[in-house]
Amino acid sequence: MAVGLKKRRRIQLVIAAAVLLAVATGLVGYAMRDGIEFFRSPSQVAATPVPEGERFRLGGLVAEGSVVRDGGEVRFTVTDGGASLPVIFKGIPPDLFREGQGVVATGRIEGGTFVASEILAKHDENYMPKEVADALKAQGLFHPDDPGSKPDS
């Protein structure tokens, strides 16, 4: 009879451990859901609209003639040649932020406008964020083999 009691106790412990492991895994997944930010280009956003309020990274080129500075706010358009998306950023953009340059913005869509909480700009002539370069290559606007070429606007 004592052997059956030990076996039952072991089974209960294994079941309790499995339940605790499942709960811990669920909690980790729940905690990480807001920390994951997917990259999207303006064409991807146009093709598959992002739910309002969902945080993601938007990348492309700052459209020529689109930058408007108003006090502590900057409005501009990000394009990948296939589509464009208006962006608003409250704060001071990076020093290298300008029209025709690659940019990656983190934020969410509110009322059809991408509200950026952070902006990253390329830091020299040879660098472009991988996600932006891949999106522009897919559109045929970026040719890394020709270092003198600038992406078409």
N, C-alpha and C. Protein backbone atom coordinates (compact mmCIF):
# COMPACT_ATOMS: atom_id res chain seq x y z
N MET A 1 0.82 -1.20 0.00
CA MET A 1 0.00 0.00 0.00
C MET A 1 0.86 1.26 0.00
N ALA A 2 2.01 1.22 0.66
CA ALA A 2 2.90 2.37 0.72
C ALA A 2 3.51 2.68 -0.65
N VAL A 3 3.71 1.64 -1.47
CA VAL A 3 4.28 1.83 -2.80
C VAL A 3 3.27 2.59 -3.68
N GLY A 4 1.99 2.27 -3.61
CA GLY A 4 0.96 2.95 -4.38
C GLY A 4 0.83 4.41 -3.99
N LEU A 5 1.01 4.71 -2.69
CA LEU A 5 0.93 6.09 -2.21
C LEU A 5 2.09 6.92 -2.76
N LYS A 6 3.31 6.34 -2.80
CA LYS A 6 4.47 7.05 -3.32
C LYS A 6 4.31 7.32 -4.83
N LYS A 7 3.77 6.32 -5.54
CA LYS A 7 3.57 6.47 -6.97
C LYS A 7 2.55 7.57 -7.26
N ARG A 8 1.48 7.61 -6.49
CA ARG A 8 0.45 8.63 -6.66
C ARG A 8 1.02 10.02 -6.36
N ARG A 9 1.85 10.10 -5.32
CA ARG A 9 2.47 11.38 -4.94
C ARG A 9 3.39 11.89 -6.05
N ARG A 10 4.17 10.97 -6.67
CA ARG A 10 5.06 11.33 -7.76
C ARG A 10 4.26 11.85 -8.96
N ILE A 11 3.18 11.19 -9.29
CA ILE A 11 2.34 11.61 -10.41
C ILE A 11 1.76 12.99 -10.13
N GLN A 12 1.34 13.24 -8.90
CA GLN A 12 0.80 14.56 -8.53
C GLN A 12 1.86 15.65 -8.68
N LEU A 13 3.09 15.35 -8.28
CA LEU A 13 4.18 16.33 -8.40
C LEU A 13 4.50 16.62 -9.86
N VAL A 14 4.52 15.56 -10.70
CA VAL A 14 4.79 15.76 -12.13
C VAL A 14 3.69 16.61 -12.76
N ILE A 15 2.44 16.34 -12.42
CA ILE A 15 1.32 17.13 -12.95
C ILE A 15 1.42 18.57 -12.47
N ALA A 16 1.72 18.78 -11.19
CA ALA A 16 1.85 20.14 -10.64
C ALA A 16 2.99 20.89 -11.34
N ALA A 17 4.12 20.21 -11.59
CA ALA A 17 5.25 20.84 -12.27
C ALA A 17 4.87 21.22 -13.71
N ALA A 18 4.14 20.35 -14.40
CA ALA A 18 3.72 20.63 -15.77
C ALA A 18 2.77 21.83 -15.81
N VAL A 19 1.85 21.92 -14.85
CA VAL A 19 0.93 23.05 -14.79
C VAL A 19 1.70 24.35 -14.53
N LEU A 20 2.65 24.32 -13.60
CA LEU A 20 3.46 25.51 -13.30
C LEU A 20 4.29 25.93 -14.52
N LEU A 21 4.84 24.96 -15.24
CA LEU A 21 5.61 25.27 -16.44
C LEU A 21 4.72 25.91 -17.50
N ALA A 22 3.52 25.41 -17.69
CA ALA A 22 2.59 25.97 -18.66
C ALA A 22 2.19 27.39 -18.28
N VAL A 23 1.94 27.63 -17.00
CA VAL A 23 1.57 28.98 -16.54
C VAL A 23 2.74 29.94 -16.74
N ALA A 24 3.96 29.50 -16.41
CA ALA A 24 5.14 30.35 -16.57
C ALA A 24 5.35 30.69 -18.05
N THR A 25 5.19 29.73 -18.93
CA THR A 25 5.34 29.96 -20.36
C THR A 25 4.29 30.96 -20.86
N GLY A 26 3.07 30.81 -20.39
CA GLY A 26 2.00 31.74 -20.76
C GLY A 26 2.29 33.15 -20.29
N LEU A 27 2.80 33.29 -19.08
CA LEU A 27 3.12 34.62 -18.55
C LEU A 27 4.25 35.29 -19.33
N VAL A 28 5.26 34.52 -19.69
CA VAL A 28 6.37 35.07 -20.47
C VAL A 28 5.86 35.53 -21.84
N GLY A 29 5.05 34.71 -22.48
CA GLY A 29 4.48 35.08 -23.78
C GLY A 29 3.63 36.32 -23.69
N TYR A 30 2.82 36.44 -22.65
CA TYR A 30 1.97 37.60 -22.46
C TYR A 30 2.81 38.86 -22.23
N ALA A 31 3.87 38.73 -21.45
CA ALA A 31 4.73 39.88 -21.15
C ALA A 31 5.48 40.35 -22.40
N MET A 32 5.82 39.43 -23.30
CA MET A 32 6.60 39.79 -24.48
C MET A 32 5.76 40.33 -25.63
N ARG A 33 4.46 40.17 -25.59
CA ARG A 33 3.63 40.55 -26.74
C ARG A 33 3.76 42.02 -27.08
N ASP A 34 3.94 42.91 -26.12
CA ASP A 34 4.10 44.33 -26.40
C ASP A 34 5.53 44.70 -26.77
N GLY A 35 6.46 43.81 -26.47
CA GLY A 35 7.87 44.09 -26.75
C GLY A 35 8.29 43.72 -28.16
N ILE A 36 7.46 43.01 -28.89
CA ILE A 36 7.81 42.58 -30.23
C ILE A 36 7.31 43.63 -31.22
N GLU A 37 8.22 44.15 -32.02
CA GLU A 37 7.87 45.16 -33.02
C GLU A 37 8.25 44.65 -34.39
N PHE A 38 7.28 44.51 -35.26
CA PHE A 38 7.53 44.03 -36.60
C PHE A 38 7.87 45.20 -37.52
N PHE A 39 8.73 44.94 -38.51
CA PHE A 39 9.09 45.95 -39.49
C PHE A 39 8.13 45.86 -40.67
N ARG A 40 7.68 47.02 -41.15
CA ARG A 40 6.82 47.08 -42.32
C ARG A 40 7.23 48.27 -43.18
N SER A 41 7.09 48.11 -44.48
CA SER A 41 7.31 49.22 -45.40
C SER A 41 5.96 49.85 -45.69
N PRO A 42 5.93 51.06 -46.25
CA PRO A 42 4.63 51.67 -46.60
C PRO A 42 3.79 50.80 -47.54
N SER A 43 4.43 50.09 -48.48
CA SER A 43 3.68 49.20 -49.38
C SER A 43 3.03 48.06 -48.62
N GLN A 44 3.73 47.52 -47.62
CA GLN A 44 3.16 46.44 -46.82
C GLN A 44 1.99 46.95 -45.99
N VAL A 45 2.10 48.17 -45.47
CA VAL A 45 1.00 48.75 -44.69
C VAL A 45 -0.21 48.99 -45.59
N ALA A 46 0.04 49.44 -46.83
CA ALA A 46 -1.07 49.68 -47.77
C ALA A 46 -1.74 48.37 -48.17
N ALA A 47 -0.93 47.31 -48.36
CA ALA A 47 -1.47 46.02 -48.79
C ALA A 47 -2.21 45.31 -47.66
N THR A 48 -1.67 45.37 -46.46
CA THR A 48 -2.26 44.72 -45.30
C THR A 48 -2.32 45.74 -44.17
N PRO A 49 -3.42 46.46 -44.04
CA PRO A 49 -3.50 47.51 -43.02
C PRO A 49 -3.22 46.97 -41.61
N VAL A 50 -2.51 47.77 -40.85
CA VAL A 50 -2.16 47.44 -39.48
C VAL A 50 -3.26 47.96 -38.56
N PRO A 51 -3.71 47.16 -37.59
CA PRO A 51 -4.74 47.66 -36.67
C PRO A 51 -4.25 48.92 -35.94
N GLU A 52 -5.15 49.88 -35.78
CA GLU A 52 -4.78 51.11 -35.06
C GLU A 52 -4.28 50.76 -33.67
N GLY A 53 -3.21 51.42 -33.26
CA GLY A 53 -2.66 51.22 -31.93
C GLY A 53 -1.61 50.13 -31.85
N GLU A 54 -1.49 49.27 -32.88
CA GLU A 54 -0.46 48.22 -32.86
C GLU A 54 0.90 48.84 -33.14
N ARG A 55 1.87 48.58 -32.28
CA ARG A 55 3.20 49.15 -32.39
C ARG A 55 4.03 48.36 -33.41
N PHE A 56 4.71 49.09 -34.32
CA PHE A 56 5.59 48.44 -35.29
C PHE A 56 6.63 49.44 -35.78
N ARG A 57 7.55 48.96 -36.60
CA ARG A 57 8.60 49.80 -37.16
C ARG A 57 8.30 50.04 -38.63
N LEU A 58 8.35 51.29 -39.04
CA LEU A 58 8.09 51.70 -40.42
C LEU A 58 9.39 52.17 -41.03
N GLY A 59 9.71 51.66 -42.21
CA GLY A 59 10.96 52.07 -42.84
C GLY A 59 10.80 52.40 -44.29
N GLY A 60 11.63 53.30 -44.76
CA GLY A 60 11.63 53.71 -46.16
C GLY A 60 12.47 54.96 -46.31
N LEU A 61 12.15 55.75 -47.30
CA LEU A 61 12.85 57.01 -47.53
C LEU A 61 11.96 58.18 -47.15
N VAL A 62 12.56 59.24 -46.63
CA VAL A 62 11.81 60.46 -46.36
C VAL A 62 11.55 61.11 -47.71
N ALA A 63 10.28 61.27 -48.06
CA ALA A 63 9.90 61.80 -49.36
C ALA A 63 10.39 63.24 -49.53
N GLU A 64 10.86 63.54 -50.75
CA GLU A 64 11.33 64.89 -51.07
C GLU A 64 10.19 65.89 -50.91
N GLY A 65 10.47 67.02 -50.28
CA GLY A 65 9.50 68.09 -50.11
C GLY A 65 8.42 67.83 -49.07
N SER A 66 8.59 66.78 -48.25
CA SER A 66 7.52 66.44 -47.31
C SER A 66 7.79 66.87 -45.87
N VAL A 67 9.00 67.29 -45.55
CA VAL A 67 9.34 67.62 -44.16
C VAL A 67 8.81 69.00 -43.79
N VAL A 68 7.98 69.03 -42.72
CA VAL A 68 7.43 70.28 -42.20
C VAL A 68 7.73 70.31 -40.71
N ARG A 69 8.47 71.32 -40.28
CA ARG A 69 8.81 71.46 -38.86
C ARG A 69 7.93 72.54 -38.27
N ASP A 70 7.26 72.20 -37.16
CA ASP A 70 6.36 73.14 -36.51
C ASP A 70 6.61 73.08 -35.01
N GLY A 71 7.45 73.96 -34.53
CA GLY A 71 7.81 73.95 -33.10
C GLY A 71 8.55 72.66 -32.78
N GLY A 72 8.03 71.92 -31.83
CA GLY A 72 8.65 70.66 -31.42
C GLY A 72 8.10 69.46 -32.15
N GLU A 73 7.47 69.70 -33.29
CA GLU A 73 6.82 68.62 -34.04
C GLU A 73 7.36 68.58 -35.47
N VAL A 74 7.58 67.38 -35.98
CA VAL A 74 8.04 67.21 -37.35
C VAL A 74 7.05 66.31 -38.08
N ARG A 75 6.56 66.79 -39.22
CA ARG A 75 5.67 65.99 -40.07
C ARG A 75 6.41 65.71 -41.36
N PHE A 76 6.32 64.46 -41.83
CA PHE A 76 6.96 64.09 -43.08
C PHE A 76 6.27 62.85 -43.64
N THR A 77 6.68 62.44 -44.82
CA THR A 77 6.12 61.26 -45.47
C THR A 77 7.23 60.25 -45.70
N VAL A 78 6.94 58.99 -45.37
CA VAL A 78 7.87 57.90 -45.64
C VAL A 78 7.35 57.15 -46.86
N THR A 79 8.24 56.90 -47.82
CA THR A 79 7.85 56.21 -49.04
C THR A 79 8.84 55.10 -49.36
N ASP A 80 8.38 54.11 -50.09
CA ASP A 80 9.27 53.07 -50.61
C ASP A 80 9.14 52.98 -52.12
N GLY A 81 8.52 53.99 -52.71
CA GLY A 81 8.33 54.03 -54.15
C GLY A 81 7.00 53.43 -54.58
N GLY A 82 6.48 52.51 -53.80
CA GLY A 82 5.20 51.89 -54.13
C GLY A 82 4.04 52.52 -53.39
N ALA A 83 4.31 53.01 -52.20
CA ALA A 83 3.28 53.64 -51.37
C ALA A 83 3.95 54.64 -50.44
N SER A 84 3.14 55.50 -49.85
CA SER A 84 3.64 56.51 -48.91
C SER A 84 2.75 56.53 -47.69
N LEU A 85 3.32 56.95 -46.56
CA LEU A 85 2.56 57.03 -45.32
C LEU A 85 2.97 58.29 -44.58
N PRO A 86 2.00 59.14 -44.20
CA PRO A 86 2.36 60.34 -43.43
C PRO A 86 2.80 59.97 -42.01
N VAL A 87 3.78 60.71 -41.52
CA VAL A 87 4.36 60.45 -40.20
C VAL A 87 4.39 61.75 -39.42
N ILE A 88 4.14 61.65 -38.12
CA ILE A 88 4.29 62.79 -37.23
C ILE A 88 5.19 62.35 -36.08
N PHE A 89 6.13 63.22 -35.72
CA PHE A 89 7.07 62.92 -34.63
C PHE A 89 7.17 64.14 -33.74
N LYS A 90 6.94 63.96 -32.46
CA LYS A 90 7.08 65.05 -31.50
C LYS A 90 8.43 64.88 -30.81
N GLY A 91 9.30 65.81 -31.08
CA GLY A 91 10.64 65.74 -30.52
C GLY A 91 11.65 66.25 -31.52
N ILE A 92 12.91 66.02 -31.22
CA ILE A 92 13.99 66.47 -32.09
C ILE A 92 14.48 65.27 -32.88
N PRO A 93 14.39 65.31 -34.21
CA PRO A 93 14.86 64.18 -35.01
C PRO A 93 16.38 64.11 -35.00
N PRO A 94 16.96 62.97 -35.40
CA PRO A 94 18.42 62.85 -35.45
C PRO A 94 19.02 63.90 -36.37
N ASP A 95 20.28 64.23 -36.15
CA ASP A 95 20.97 65.25 -36.96
C ASP A 95 20.98 64.89 -38.44
N LEU A 96 21.09 63.62 -38.78
CA LEU A 96 21.18 63.20 -40.17
C LEU A 96 19.82 62.98 -40.83
N PHE A 97 18.75 63.29 -40.13
CA PHE A 97 17.40 63.15 -40.68
C PHE A 97 17.18 64.24 -41.72
N ARG A 98 16.87 63.83 -42.97
CA ARG A 98 16.58 64.79 -44.02
C ARG A 98 15.88 64.08 -45.18
N GLU A 99 15.37 64.88 -46.09
CA GLU A 99 14.64 64.36 -47.24
C GLU A 99 15.55 63.50 -48.12
N GLY A 100 14.99 62.41 -48.66
CA GLY A 100 15.73 61.53 -49.54
C GLY A 100 16.60 60.51 -48.83
N GLN A 101 16.62 60.52 -47.50
CA GLN A 101 17.46 59.60 -46.74
C GLN A 101 16.62 58.47 -46.14
N GLY A 102 17.29 57.35 -45.87
CA GLY A 102 16.62 56.22 -45.25
C GLY A 102 16.27 56.52 -43.81
N VAL A 103 15.13 56.00 -43.37
CA VAL A 103 14.67 56.24 -42.00
C VAL A 103 13.90 55.01 -41.52
N VAL A 104 14.03 54.73 -40.23
CA VAL A 104 13.21 53.71 -39.58
C VAL A 104 12.56 54.40 -38.38
N ALA A 105 11.23 54.36 -38.33
CA ALA A 105 10.49 55.00 -37.24
C ALA A 105 9.72 53.93 -36.47
N THR A 106 9.71 54.07 -35.16
CA THR A 106 8.95 53.16 -34.30
C THR A 106 7.74 53.90 -33.78
N GLY A 107 6.57 53.27 -33.86
CA GLY A 107 5.36 53.92 -33.37
C GLY A 107 4.12 53.12 -33.73
N ARG A 108 3.01 53.85 -33.92
CA ARG A 108 1.73 53.20 -34.24
C ARG A 108 0.88 54.13 -35.10
N ILE A 109 -0.11 53.55 -35.77
CA ILE A 109 -1.00 54.33 -36.62
C ILE A 109 -2.17 54.83 -35.79
N GLU A 110 -2.43 56.12 -35.92
CA GLU A 110 -3.58 56.75 -35.26
C GLU A 110 -4.25 57.66 -36.28
N GLY A 111 -5.48 57.34 -36.63
CA GLY A 111 -6.23 58.16 -37.58
C GLY A 111 -5.60 58.24 -38.96
N GLY A 112 -4.96 57.17 -39.41
CA GLY A 112 -4.36 57.15 -40.74
C GLY A 112 -2.96 57.73 -40.82
N THR A 113 -2.45 58.25 -39.70
CA THR A 113 -1.11 58.82 -39.66
C THR A 113 -0.25 57.99 -38.72
N PHE A 114 1.00 57.74 -39.11
CA PHE A 114 1.93 57.00 -38.26
C PHE A 114 2.49 57.97 -37.23
N VAL A 115 2.23 57.72 -35.96
CA VAL A 115 2.72 58.56 -34.87
C VAL A 115 3.99 57.90 -34.32
N ALA A 116 5.13 58.51 -34.62
CA ALA A 116 6.42 57.93 -34.25
C ALA A 116 6.84 58.35 -32.85
N SER A 117 7.36 57.38 -32.11
CA SER A 117 7.92 57.68 -30.79
C SER A 117 9.45 57.72 -30.85
N GLU A 118 10.01 57.17 -31.94
CA GLU A 118 11.46 57.15 -32.12
C GLU A 118 11.76 57.16 -33.62
N ILE A 119 12.83 57.87 -34.00
CA ILE A 119 13.26 57.92 -35.39
C ILE A 119 14.75 57.60 -35.45
N LEU A 120 15.11 56.70 -36.36
CA LEU A 120 16.51 56.36 -36.61
C LEU A 120 16.82 56.73 -38.05
N ALA A 121 17.95 57.41 -38.26
CA ALA A 121 18.35 57.79 -39.62
C ALA A 121 19.69 57.16 -39.92
N LYS A 122 19.98 56.99 -41.21
CA LYS A 122 21.26 56.39 -41.58
C LYS A 122 22.40 57.31 -41.12
N HIS A 123 23.55 56.71 -40.80
CA HIS A 123 24.61 57.53 -40.22
C HIS A 123 25.78 57.82 -41.13
N ASP A 124 25.86 57.23 -42.31
CA ASP A 124 26.87 57.62 -43.28
C ASP A 124 26.43 57.22 -44.68
N GLU A 125 27.26 57.51 -45.67
CA GLU A 125 26.89 57.28 -47.06
C GLU A 125 26.71 55.81 -47.40
N ASN A 126 27.36 54.91 -46.67
CA ASN A 126 27.34 53.49 -47.03
C ASN A 126 26.36 52.66 -46.22
N TYR A 127 25.68 53.25 -45.28
CA TYR A 127 24.81 52.47 -44.40
C TYR A 127 23.34 52.78 -44.64
N MET A 128 22.56 51.74 -44.68
CA MET A 128 21.11 51.89 -44.69
C MET A 128 20.59 50.72 -43.86
N PRO A 129 19.66 50.93 -42.94
CA PRO A 129 19.14 49.81 -42.15
C PRO A 129 18.71 48.66 -43.07
N LYS A 130 19.05 47.44 -42.67
CA LYS A 130 18.80 46.26 -43.49
C LYS A 130 17.34 46.16 -43.93
N GLU A 131 16.42 46.42 -43.02
CA GLU A 131 15.00 46.31 -43.36
C GLU A 131 14.61 47.31 -44.44
N VAL A 132 15.16 48.53 -44.35
CA VAL A 132 14.84 49.56 -45.34
C VAL A 132 15.45 49.16 -46.69
N ALA A 133 16.70 48.72 -46.68
CA ALA A 133 17.35 48.31 -47.92
C ALA A 133 16.60 47.16 -48.58
N ASP A 134 16.18 46.17 -47.80
CA ASP A 134 15.43 45.03 -48.35
C ASP A 134 14.11 45.48 -48.98
N ALA A 135 13.40 46.38 -48.29
CA ALA A 135 12.12 46.87 -48.82
C ALA A 135 12.33 47.66 -50.11
N LEU A 136 13.39 48.49 -50.14
CA LEU A 136 13.65 49.29 -51.34
C LEU A 136 14.16 48.42 -52.49
N LYS A 137 14.94 47.37 -52.19
CA LYS A 137 15.38 46.44 -53.22
C LYS A 137 14.18 45.74 -53.84
N ALA A 138 13.23 45.34 -53.00
CA ALA A 138 12.03 44.66 -53.49
C ALA A 138 11.24 45.56 -54.45
N GLN A 139 11.30 46.88 -54.24
CA GLN A 139 10.61 47.83 -55.11
C GLN A 139 11.47 48.24 -56.31
N GLY A 140 12.75 47.78 -56.33
CA GLY A 140 13.65 48.14 -57.42
C GLY A 140 14.22 49.53 -57.30
N LEU A 141 14.19 50.10 -56.10
CA LEU A 141 14.65 51.48 -55.91
C LEU A 141 16.06 51.58 -55.34
N PHE A 142 16.64 50.47 -54.90
CA PHE A 142 17.94 50.52 -54.24
C PHE A 142 18.85 49.50 -54.89
N HIS A 143 20.02 49.97 -55.33
CA HIS A 143 20.99 49.10 -56.00
C HIS A 143 22.32 49.22 -55.27
N PRO A 144 22.60 48.34 -54.30
CA PRO A 144 23.82 48.46 -53.49
C PRO A 144 25.10 48.24 -54.29
N ASP A 145 25.02 47.60 -55.46
CA ASP A 145 26.23 47.34 -56.26
C ASP A 145 26.77 48.61 -56.89
N ASP A 146 25.94 49.63 -57.00
CA ASP A 146 26.36 50.90 -57.59
C ASP A 146 26.42 51.95 -56.48
N PRO A 147 27.59 52.10 -55.80
CA PRO A 147 27.67 52.99 -54.65
C PRO A 147 27.38 54.44 -54.96
N GLY A 148 27.49 54.84 -56.24
CA GLY A 148 27.19 56.23 -56.57
C GLY A 148 25.71 56.49 -56.78
N SER A 149 24.94 55.41 -56.87
CA SER A 149 23.52 55.63 -57.14
C SER A 149 22.76 55.94 -55.88
N LYS A 150 21.81 56.81 -56.04
CA LYS A 150 20.92 57.18 -54.94
C LYS A 150 19.55 56.57 -55.26
N PRO A 151 18.83 56.04 -54.27
CA PRO A 151 17.50 55.50 -54.57
C PRO A 151 16.64 56.54 -55.28
N ASP A 152 15.90 56.09 -56.30
CA ASP A 152 15.01 56.99 -57.03
C ASP A 152 13.91 57.49 -56.13
N SER A 153 13.51 58.72 -56.32
CA SER A 153 12.44 59.29 -55.50
C SER A 153 11.14 59.23 -56.24
